[in-house]
Amino acid sequence: MTSTKASGERQALRARMQEFGLRCTAARLAVLGELQRSTSPQSHADIARALAPLELDRATVYRNLMELSESGLVSRLDLGDHIWRFELRKNGQGDLAEHAHFLCTECGQVSCLDGVEIRVTPTPRRKRSSLGNVTEILLKGRCVRCS
C-alpha cells in the first residue's frame, strides 16, 4: 500500500471516529484499521495477535473493541459459539443486519454473506409475525473445505 493511500485511509477512519463522537487515539486507529482490512468478523484474540507487532496489549485491544462497539461504529457478534467477533459497520449506527453470516460447524470459520439477500416475511396465512425487528441473521453448516 502506498503511503498516500494509507494516509487517506487513516484520515477516513479518523473522520468516522469523530462522526461517532470518539477521540482518535493511536490504539483505536490501529484496531479500527485492522477491522477495516478484515474480510470477515474477527475475534479479540485475532485482532490482538495481528496488532502484537505494534506492542498493543490484549487489554488495550479489548477496551478499544468495547468502546467502538458501544459507539455503534463496530458490530459485536455472538454467533452461538461463545466467542465475540467484531466487524466494522459499513452503513452506520443502528444498521445491525447489514448482511448475514455463515458459521462452519466443523472448522469454526465465519464468513460474511455480502452478496446474499435474505428477506424475513410472514407466511400468507399469518399476517402478524412474532419476529419484530431482526438484528442479525446467521446460517450454520459445513463450508466448502469441510464438506
N, C-alpha and C. Protein backbone atom coordinates (compact mmCIF):
# COMPACT_ATOMS: atom_id res chain seq x y z
N MET A 1 0.84 -1.17 0.00
CA MET A 1 0.00 0.00 0.00
C MET A 1 0.89 1.23 0.00
N THR A 2 0.57 2.18 -0.84
CA THR A 2 1.37 3.39 -0.90
C THR A 2 1.09 4.25 0.32
N SER A 3 2.05 5.10 0.68
CA SER A 3 1.88 5.93 1.87
C SER A 3 0.74 6.93 1.69
N THR A 4 0.51 7.39 0.46
CA THR A 4 -0.59 8.32 0.19
C THR A 4 -1.93 7.63 0.42
N LYS A 5 -2.05 6.41 -0.06
CA LYS A 5 -3.28 5.64 0.13
C LYS A 5 -3.50 5.34 1.61
N ALA A 6 -2.44 4.92 2.31
CA ALA A 6 -2.53 4.63 3.74
C ALA A 6 -2.93 5.87 4.52
N SER A 7 -2.36 7.01 4.15
CA SER A 7 -2.69 8.27 4.82
C SER A 7 -4.14 8.64 4.59
N GLY A 8 -4.63 8.42 3.40
CA GLY A 8 -6.03 8.69 3.09
C GLY A 8 -6.98 7.80 3.87
N GLU A 9 -6.60 6.51 4.02
CA GLU A 9 -7.42 5.58 4.79
C GLU A 9 -7.44 5.95 6.26
N ARG A 10 -6.29 6.38 6.81
CA ARG A 10 -6.24 6.83 8.21
C ARG A 10 -7.13 8.05 8.41
N GLN A 11 -7.10 8.97 7.46
CA GLN A 11 -7.93 10.17 7.55
C GLN A 11 -9.42 9.80 7.52
N ALA A 12 -9.77 8.85 6.68
CA ALA A 12 -11.17 8.40 6.61
C ALA A 12 -11.59 7.74 7.92
N LEU A 13 -10.70 6.95 8.52
CA LEU A 13 -11.00 6.33 9.81
C LEU A 13 -11.15 7.37 10.90
N ARG A 14 -10.29 8.38 10.89
CA ARG A 14 -10.39 9.48 11.86
C ARG A 14 -11.75 10.18 11.74
N ALA A 15 -12.15 10.45 10.50
CA ALA A 15 -13.42 11.12 10.26
C ALA A 15 -14.59 10.27 10.76
N ARG A 16 -14.54 8.96 10.52
CA ARG A 16 -15.61 8.06 11.00
C ARG A 16 -15.67 8.08 12.51
N MET A 17 -14.50 8.04 13.18
CA MET A 17 -14.49 8.06 14.65
C MET A 17 -15.10 9.36 15.17
N GLN A 18 -14.73 10.46 14.57
CA GLN A 18 -15.26 11.75 15.01
C GLN A 18 -16.77 11.81 14.78
N GLU A 19 -17.23 11.23 13.68
CA GLU A 19 -18.66 11.18 13.38
C GLU A 19 -19.43 10.44 14.48
N PHE A 20 -18.79 9.47 15.11
CA PHE A 20 -19.40 8.68 16.17
C PHE A 20 -19.05 9.20 17.56
N GLY A 21 -18.42 10.39 17.61
CA GLY A 21 -18.12 11.02 18.89
C GLY A 21 -16.96 10.42 19.66
N LEU A 22 -16.04 9.77 18.95
CA LEU A 22 -14.90 9.13 19.60
C LEU A 22 -13.62 9.93 19.40
N ARG A 23 -12.77 9.93 20.42
CA ARG A 23 -11.43 10.51 20.27
C ARG A 23 -10.59 9.59 19.40
N CYS A 24 -9.70 10.19 18.62
CA CYS A 24 -8.82 9.43 17.74
C CYS A 24 -7.51 9.17 18.47
N THR A 25 -7.34 7.95 18.97
CA THR A 25 -6.08 7.57 19.60
C THR A 25 -5.35 6.60 18.68
N ALA A 26 -4.07 6.44 18.90
CA ALA A 26 -3.28 5.53 18.07
C ALA A 26 -3.80 4.10 18.18
N ALA A 27 -4.13 3.68 19.40
CA ALA A 27 -4.63 2.30 19.60
C ALA A 27 -5.97 2.12 18.89
N ARG A 28 -6.85 3.08 19.02
CA ARG A 28 -8.16 2.99 18.39
C ARG A 28 -8.04 2.96 16.87
N LEU A 29 -7.14 3.77 16.32
CA LEU A 29 -6.90 3.76 14.88
C LEU A 29 -6.37 2.41 14.42
N ALA A 30 -5.47 1.83 15.21
CA ALA A 30 -4.90 0.53 14.86
C ALA A 30 -5.98 -0.56 14.86
N VAL A 31 -6.82 -0.57 15.89
CA VAL A 31 -7.89 -1.57 15.98
C VAL A 31 -8.87 -1.39 14.83
N LEU A 32 -9.28 -0.16 14.59
CA LEU A 32 -10.23 0.12 13.51
C LEU A 32 -9.63 -0.22 12.14
N GLY A 33 -8.35 0.07 11.96
CA GLY A 33 -7.67 -0.27 10.71
C GLY A 33 -7.64 -1.77 10.48
N GLU A 34 -7.39 -2.53 11.53
CA GLU A 34 -7.38 -4.00 11.41
C GLU A 34 -8.77 -4.51 11.04
N LEU A 35 -9.80 -3.94 11.64
CA LEU A 35 -11.17 -4.35 11.29
C LEU A 35 -11.52 -3.98 9.85
N GLN A 36 -11.03 -2.85 9.40
CA GLN A 36 -11.29 -2.42 8.03
C GLN A 36 -10.63 -3.36 7.03
N ARG A 37 -9.45 -3.87 7.35
CA ARG A 37 -8.74 -4.78 6.45
C ARG A 37 -9.33 -6.19 6.45
N SER A 38 -10.12 -6.52 7.45
CA SER A 38 -10.68 -7.87 7.58
C SER A 38 -11.78 -8.12 6.56
N THR A 39 -11.87 -9.35 6.11
CA THR A 39 -12.93 -9.72 5.18
C THR A 39 -14.04 -10.49 5.89
N SER A 40 -13.87 -10.74 7.19
CA SER A 40 -14.89 -11.41 7.99
C SER A 40 -14.76 -10.94 9.43
N PRO A 41 -15.77 -11.18 10.25
CA PRO A 41 -15.68 -10.76 11.65
C PRO A 41 -14.47 -11.40 12.34
N GLN A 42 -13.80 -10.63 13.21
CA GLN A 42 -12.58 -11.08 13.88
C GLN A 42 -12.80 -11.15 15.39
N SER A 43 -12.21 -12.14 16.03
CA SER A 43 -12.29 -12.25 17.48
C SER A 43 -11.27 -11.31 18.12
N HIS A 44 -11.43 -11.07 19.40
CA HIS A 44 -10.48 -10.27 20.16
C HIS A 44 -9.08 -10.86 20.01
N ALA A 45 -8.97 -12.20 20.13
CA ALA A 45 -7.67 -12.86 20.02
C ALA A 45 -7.05 -12.64 18.65
N ASP A 46 -7.85 -12.71 17.59
CA ASP A 46 -7.34 -12.49 16.22
C ASP A 46 -6.76 -11.09 16.08
N ILE A 47 -7.50 -10.11 16.58
CA ILE A 47 -7.08 -8.71 16.45
C ILE A 47 -5.85 -8.44 17.31
N ALA A 48 -5.84 -8.95 18.54
CA ALA A 48 -4.68 -8.76 19.42
C ALA A 48 -3.43 -9.38 18.81
N ARG A 49 -3.57 -10.55 18.20
CA ARG A 49 -2.43 -11.22 17.56
C ARG A 49 -1.92 -10.40 16.37
N ALA A 50 -2.83 -9.86 15.58
CA ALA A 50 -2.44 -9.06 14.41
C ALA A 50 -1.75 -7.76 14.83
N LEU A 51 -2.15 -7.20 15.98
CA LEU A 51 -1.60 -5.92 16.42
C LEU A 51 -0.43 -6.07 17.39
N ALA A 52 -0.02 -7.29 17.68
CA ALA A 52 1.09 -7.53 18.61
C ALA A 52 2.38 -6.82 18.18
N PRO A 53 2.71 -6.76 16.88
CA PRO A 53 3.93 -6.04 16.48
C PRO A 53 3.90 -4.55 16.86
N LEU A 54 2.72 -3.99 17.06
CA LEU A 54 2.60 -2.59 17.46
C LEU A 54 2.71 -2.42 18.98
N GLU A 55 2.93 -3.54 19.66
CA GLU A 55 3.07 -3.57 21.12
C GLU A 55 1.81 -3.09 21.84
N LEU A 56 0.66 -3.41 21.28
CA LEU A 56 -0.61 -3.15 21.96
C LEU A 56 -0.96 -4.40 22.76
N ASP A 57 -1.18 -4.23 24.07
CA ASP A 57 -1.50 -5.40 24.88
C ASP A 57 -2.96 -5.79 24.68
N ARG A 58 -3.31 -7.01 25.09
CA ARG A 58 -4.64 -7.56 24.89
C ARG A 58 -5.72 -6.72 25.58
N ALA A 59 -5.42 -6.19 26.76
CA ALA A 59 -6.40 -5.39 27.50
C ALA A 59 -6.73 -4.09 26.76
N THR A 60 -5.73 -3.47 26.17
CA THR A 60 -5.95 -2.24 25.40
C THR A 60 -6.80 -2.53 24.17
N VAL A 61 -6.49 -3.62 23.48
CA VAL A 61 -7.27 -4.01 22.30
C VAL A 61 -8.71 -4.28 22.71
N TYR A 62 -8.91 -5.02 23.80
CA TYR A 62 -10.26 -5.35 24.27
C TYR A 62 -11.04 -4.08 24.64
N ARG A 63 -10.43 -3.21 25.40
CA ARG A 63 -11.08 -1.97 25.82
C ARG A 63 -11.51 -1.14 24.60
N ASN A 64 -10.65 -1.06 23.61
CA ASN A 64 -10.98 -0.31 22.40
C ASN A 64 -12.09 -0.98 21.60
N LEU A 65 -12.08 -2.30 21.52
CA LEU A 65 -13.16 -3.01 20.82
C LEU A 65 -14.50 -2.74 21.49
N MET A 66 -14.52 -2.74 22.82
CA MET A 66 -15.76 -2.50 23.54
C MET A 66 -16.25 -1.06 23.32
N GLU A 67 -15.34 -0.10 23.37
CA GLU A 67 -15.73 1.30 23.15
C GLU A 67 -16.23 1.52 21.73
N LEU A 68 -15.58 0.90 20.76
CA LEU A 68 -16.00 1.03 19.37
C LEU A 68 -17.37 0.39 19.14
N SER A 69 -17.61 -0.75 19.78
CA SER A 69 -18.92 -1.40 19.61
C SER A 69 -20.01 -0.63 20.36
N GLU A 70 -19.71 -0.09 21.53
CA GLU A 70 -20.70 0.69 22.27
C GLU A 70 -21.08 1.98 21.52
N SER A 71 -20.16 2.51 20.75
CA SER A 71 -20.44 3.74 19.99
C SER A 71 -21.33 3.47 18.79
N GLY A 72 -21.37 2.21 18.32
CA GLY A 72 -22.14 1.87 17.13
C GLY A 72 -21.33 1.80 15.86
N LEU A 73 -20.05 2.12 15.94
CA LEU A 73 -19.18 2.08 14.76
C LEU A 73 -18.80 0.65 14.38
N VAL A 74 -18.76 -0.22 15.38
CA VAL A 74 -18.37 -1.62 15.20
C VAL A 74 -19.49 -2.51 15.72
N SER A 75 -19.76 -3.61 15.03
CA SER A 75 -20.73 -4.60 15.49
C SER A 75 -20.00 -5.66 16.32
N ARG A 76 -20.65 -6.07 17.41
CA ARG A 76 -20.14 -7.18 18.23
C ARG A 76 -21.11 -8.33 18.06
N LEU A 77 -20.61 -9.44 17.56
CA LEU A 77 -21.46 -10.58 17.23
C LEU A 77 -21.14 -11.78 18.11
N ASP A 78 -22.18 -12.47 18.56
CA ASP A 78 -22.02 -13.76 19.22
C ASP A 78 -22.73 -14.75 18.32
N LEU A 79 -21.98 -15.57 17.65
CA LEU A 79 -22.54 -16.47 16.64
C LEU A 79 -22.88 -17.84 17.21
N GLY A 80 -23.09 -17.90 18.51
CA GLY A 80 -23.52 -19.14 19.14
C GLY A 80 -22.41 -20.02 19.66
N ASP A 81 -21.15 -19.61 19.46
CA ASP A 81 -20.04 -20.43 19.93
C ASP A 81 -19.31 -19.78 21.11
N HIS A 82 -19.94 -18.78 21.70
CA HIS A 82 -19.43 -18.08 22.89
C HIS A 82 -18.13 -17.33 22.64
N ILE A 83 -17.90 -16.94 21.38
CA ILE A 83 -16.74 -16.12 21.02
C ILE A 83 -17.28 -14.85 20.39
N TRP A 84 -17.02 -13.73 21.01
CA TRP A 84 -17.43 -12.47 20.41
C TRP A 84 -16.53 -12.18 19.22
N ARG A 85 -17.16 -11.76 18.14
CA ARG A 85 -16.43 -11.33 16.97
C ARG A 85 -16.86 -9.91 16.65
N PHE A 86 -15.95 -9.17 16.03
CA PHE A 86 -16.18 -7.75 15.77
C PHE A 86 -15.98 -7.47 14.29
N GLU A 87 -16.79 -6.53 13.78
CA GLU A 87 -16.60 -6.09 12.40
C GLU A 87 -17.04 -4.63 12.28
N LEU A 88 -16.39 -3.94 11.39
CA LEU A 88 -16.68 -2.54 11.13
C LEU A 88 -18.02 -2.44 10.42
N ARG A 89 -18.91 -1.60 10.94
CA ARG A 89 -20.19 -1.37 10.27
C ARG A 89 -19.96 -0.45 9.09
N LYS A 90 -20.49 -0.82 7.98
CA LYS A 90 -20.28 -0.03 6.77
C LYS A 90 -21.35 1.03 6.58
N ASN A 91 -22.56 0.75 7.02
CA ASN A 91 -23.69 1.65 6.74
C ASN A 91 -24.10 2.53 7.91
N GLY A 92 -23.36 2.51 8.99
CA GLY A 92 -23.67 3.42 10.07
C GLY A 92 -24.35 2.80 11.26
N GLN A 93 -24.53 3.60 12.26
CA GLN A 93 -25.09 3.17 13.54
C GLN A 93 -26.51 2.67 13.39
N GLY A 94 -26.83 1.63 14.14
CA GLY A 94 -28.18 1.10 14.17
C GLY A 94 -28.51 0.15 13.04
N ASP A 95 -27.62 -0.04 12.11
CA ASP A 95 -27.87 -0.90 10.96
C ASP A 95 -27.20 -2.25 11.19
N LEU A 96 -27.72 -3.01 12.16
CA LEU A 96 -27.07 -4.27 12.53
C LEU A 96 -27.16 -5.34 11.45
N ALA A 97 -28.31 -5.46 10.81
CA ALA A 97 -28.50 -6.55 9.85
C ALA A 97 -28.05 -6.13 8.45
N GLU A 98 -26.81 -5.66 8.34
CA GLU A 98 -26.29 -5.25 7.03
C GLU A 98 -26.16 -6.45 6.10
N HIS A 99 -25.79 -7.59 6.66
CA HIS A 99 -25.61 -8.81 5.88
C HIS A 99 -25.66 -10.00 6.82
N ALA A 100 -25.88 -11.16 6.24
CA ALA A 100 -25.91 -12.40 7.03
C ALA A 100 -24.49 -12.94 7.19
N HIS A 101 -24.34 -13.84 8.13
CA HIS A 101 -23.06 -14.52 8.35
C HIS A 101 -23.25 -16.02 8.24
N PHE A 102 -22.19 -16.72 7.85
CA PHE A 102 -22.19 -18.17 7.78
C PHE A 102 -21.11 -18.69 8.73
N LEU A 103 -21.49 -19.62 9.61
CA LEU A 103 -20.56 -20.23 10.56
C LEU A 103 -20.42 -21.71 10.21
N CYS A 104 -19.20 -22.13 9.89
CA CYS A 104 -18.95 -23.55 9.61
C CYS A 104 -18.95 -24.30 10.94
N THR A 105 -19.81 -25.30 11.05
CA THR A 105 -19.93 -26.06 12.29
C THR A 105 -18.77 -27.04 12.46
N GLU A 106 -17.98 -27.21 11.43
CA GLU A 106 -16.84 -28.14 11.50
C GLU A 106 -15.55 -27.42 11.91
N CYS A 107 -15.17 -26.37 11.18
CA CYS A 107 -13.89 -25.69 11.42
C CYS A 107 -14.03 -24.37 12.18
N GLY A 108 -15.24 -23.86 12.29
CA GLY A 108 -15.47 -22.61 13.02
C GLY A 108 -15.24 -21.35 12.22
N GLN A 109 -14.89 -21.46 10.96
CA GLN A 109 -14.67 -20.29 10.10
C GLN A 109 -15.96 -19.50 9.93
N VAL A 110 -15.87 -18.18 10.03
CA VAL A 110 -17.02 -17.30 9.85
C VAL A 110 -16.84 -16.53 8.56
N SER A 111 -17.88 -16.46 7.76
CA SER A 111 -17.85 -15.72 6.50
C SER A 111 -19.00 -14.74 6.46
N CYS A 112 -18.74 -13.58 5.86
CA CYS A 112 -19.80 -12.60 5.61
C CYS A 112 -20.48 -12.98 4.30
N LEU A 113 -21.79 -12.93 4.29
CA LEU A 113 -22.55 -13.23 3.08
C LEU A 113 -23.07 -11.93 2.48
N ASP A 114 -22.14 -11.13 1.98
CA ASP A 114 -22.48 -9.81 1.45
C ASP A 114 -23.37 -9.87 0.22
N GLY A 115 -23.18 -10.88 -0.61
CA GLY A 115 -23.92 -10.95 -1.86
C GLY A 115 -25.23 -11.71 -1.75
N VAL A 116 -25.66 -12.03 -0.54
CA VAL A 116 -26.87 -12.82 -0.33
C VAL A 116 -27.94 -11.94 0.29
N GLU A 117 -29.11 -11.90 -0.32
CA GLU A 117 -30.21 -11.13 0.24
C GLU A 117 -31.20 -12.09 0.87
N ILE A 118 -31.49 -11.87 2.15
CA ILE A 118 -32.44 -12.71 2.87
C ILE A 118 -33.58 -11.81 3.34
N ARG A 119 -34.79 -12.19 3.01
CA ARG A 119 -35.96 -11.42 3.45
C ARG A 119 -36.74 -12.25 4.45
N VAL A 120 -37.14 -11.60 5.51
CA VAL A 120 -37.94 -12.26 6.53
C VAL A 120 -39.36 -11.72 6.41
N THR A 121 -40.27 -12.58 5.92
CA THR A 121 -41.66 -12.17 5.75
C THR A 121 -42.57 -13.25 6.32
N PRO A 122 -43.70 -12.84 6.90
CA PRO A 122 -44.64 -13.83 7.42
C PRO A 122 -45.32 -14.58 6.27
N THR A 123 -45.76 -15.80 6.55
CA THR A 123 -46.48 -16.57 5.54
C THR A 123 -47.83 -15.91 5.27
N PRO A 124 -48.44 -16.16 4.11
CA PRO A 124 -49.71 -15.52 3.77
C PRO A 124 -50.82 -15.78 4.81
N ARG A 125 -50.85 -16.97 5.41
CA ARG A 125 -51.88 -17.29 6.38
C ARG A 125 -51.71 -16.51 7.68
N ARG A 126 -50.51 -16.08 7.92
CA ARG A 126 -50.23 -15.44 9.19
C ARG A 126 -49.79 -14.00 8.94
N LYS A 127 -50.73 -13.11 8.98
CA LYS A 127 -50.44 -11.71 8.69
C LYS A 127 -49.54 -11.08 9.75
N ARG A 128 -49.70 -11.48 11.00
CA ARG A 128 -48.89 -10.92 12.08
C ARG A 128 -47.72 -11.86 12.34
N SER A 129 -46.57 -11.30 12.41
CA SER A 129 -45.36 -12.07 12.70
C SER A 129 -44.89 -11.77 14.11
N SER A 130 -44.34 -12.76 14.77
CA SER A 130 -43.79 -12.55 16.11
C SER A 130 -42.33 -12.13 16.04
N LEU A 131 -41.82 -11.86 14.84
CA LEU A 131 -40.40 -11.57 14.67
C LEU A 131 -39.98 -10.19 15.14
N GLY A 132 -40.81 -9.20 15.03
CA GLY A 132 -40.39 -7.86 15.43
C GLY A 132 -39.26 -7.37 14.55
N ASN A 133 -38.18 -6.81 15.15
CA ASN A 133 -37.05 -6.24 14.43
C ASN A 133 -35.89 -7.23 14.38
N VAL A 134 -35.57 -7.77 13.21
CA VAL A 134 -34.47 -8.71 13.05
C VAL A 134 -33.16 -7.93 13.03
N THR A 135 -32.23 -8.29 13.92
CA THR A 135 -30.96 -7.56 14.00
C THR A 135 -29.77 -8.37 13.50
N GLU A 136 -29.95 -9.66 13.34
CA GLU A 136 -28.83 -10.48 12.90
C GLU A 136 -29.36 -11.76 12.27
N ILE A 137 -28.70 -12.18 11.18
CA ILE A 137 -29.06 -13.43 10.53
C ILE A 137 -27.81 -14.29 10.45
N LEU A 138 -27.91 -15.52 10.96
CA LEU A 138 -26.78 -16.45 10.99
C LEU A 138 -27.20 -17.77 10.37
N LEU A 139 -26.41 -18.21 9.41
CA LEU A 139 -26.61 -19.52 8.80
C LEU A 139 -25.47 -20.41 9.28
N LYS A 140 -25.78 -21.65 9.62
CA LYS A 140 -24.76 -22.60 10.06
C LYS A 140 -24.78 -23.81 9.15
N GLY A 141 -23.63 -24.39 8.97
CA GLY A 141 -23.50 -25.58 8.14
C GLY A 141 -22.04 -25.90 7.95
N ARG A 142 -21.72 -26.69 6.95
CA ARG A 142 -20.34 -27.05 6.66
C ARG A 142 -19.87 -26.26 5.45
N CYS A 143 -18.70 -25.65 5.59
CA CYS A 143 -18.13 -24.85 4.49
C CYS A 143 -17.65 -25.78 3.37
N VAL A 144 -17.26 -25.17 2.27
CA VAL A 144 -16.81 -25.92 1.11
C VAL A 144 -15.59 -26.78 1.44
N ARG A 145 -14.66 -26.27 2.24
CA ARG A 145 -13.46 -27.02 2.60
C ARG A 145 -13.78 -28.25 3.46
N CYS A 146 -14.79 -28.13 4.33
CA CYS A 146 -15.10 -29.20 5.26
C CYS A 146 -16.13 -30.20 4.71
N SER A 147 -16.77 -29.88 3.60
CA SER A 147 -17.80 -30.76 3.03
C SER A 147 -17.20 -31.98 2.38
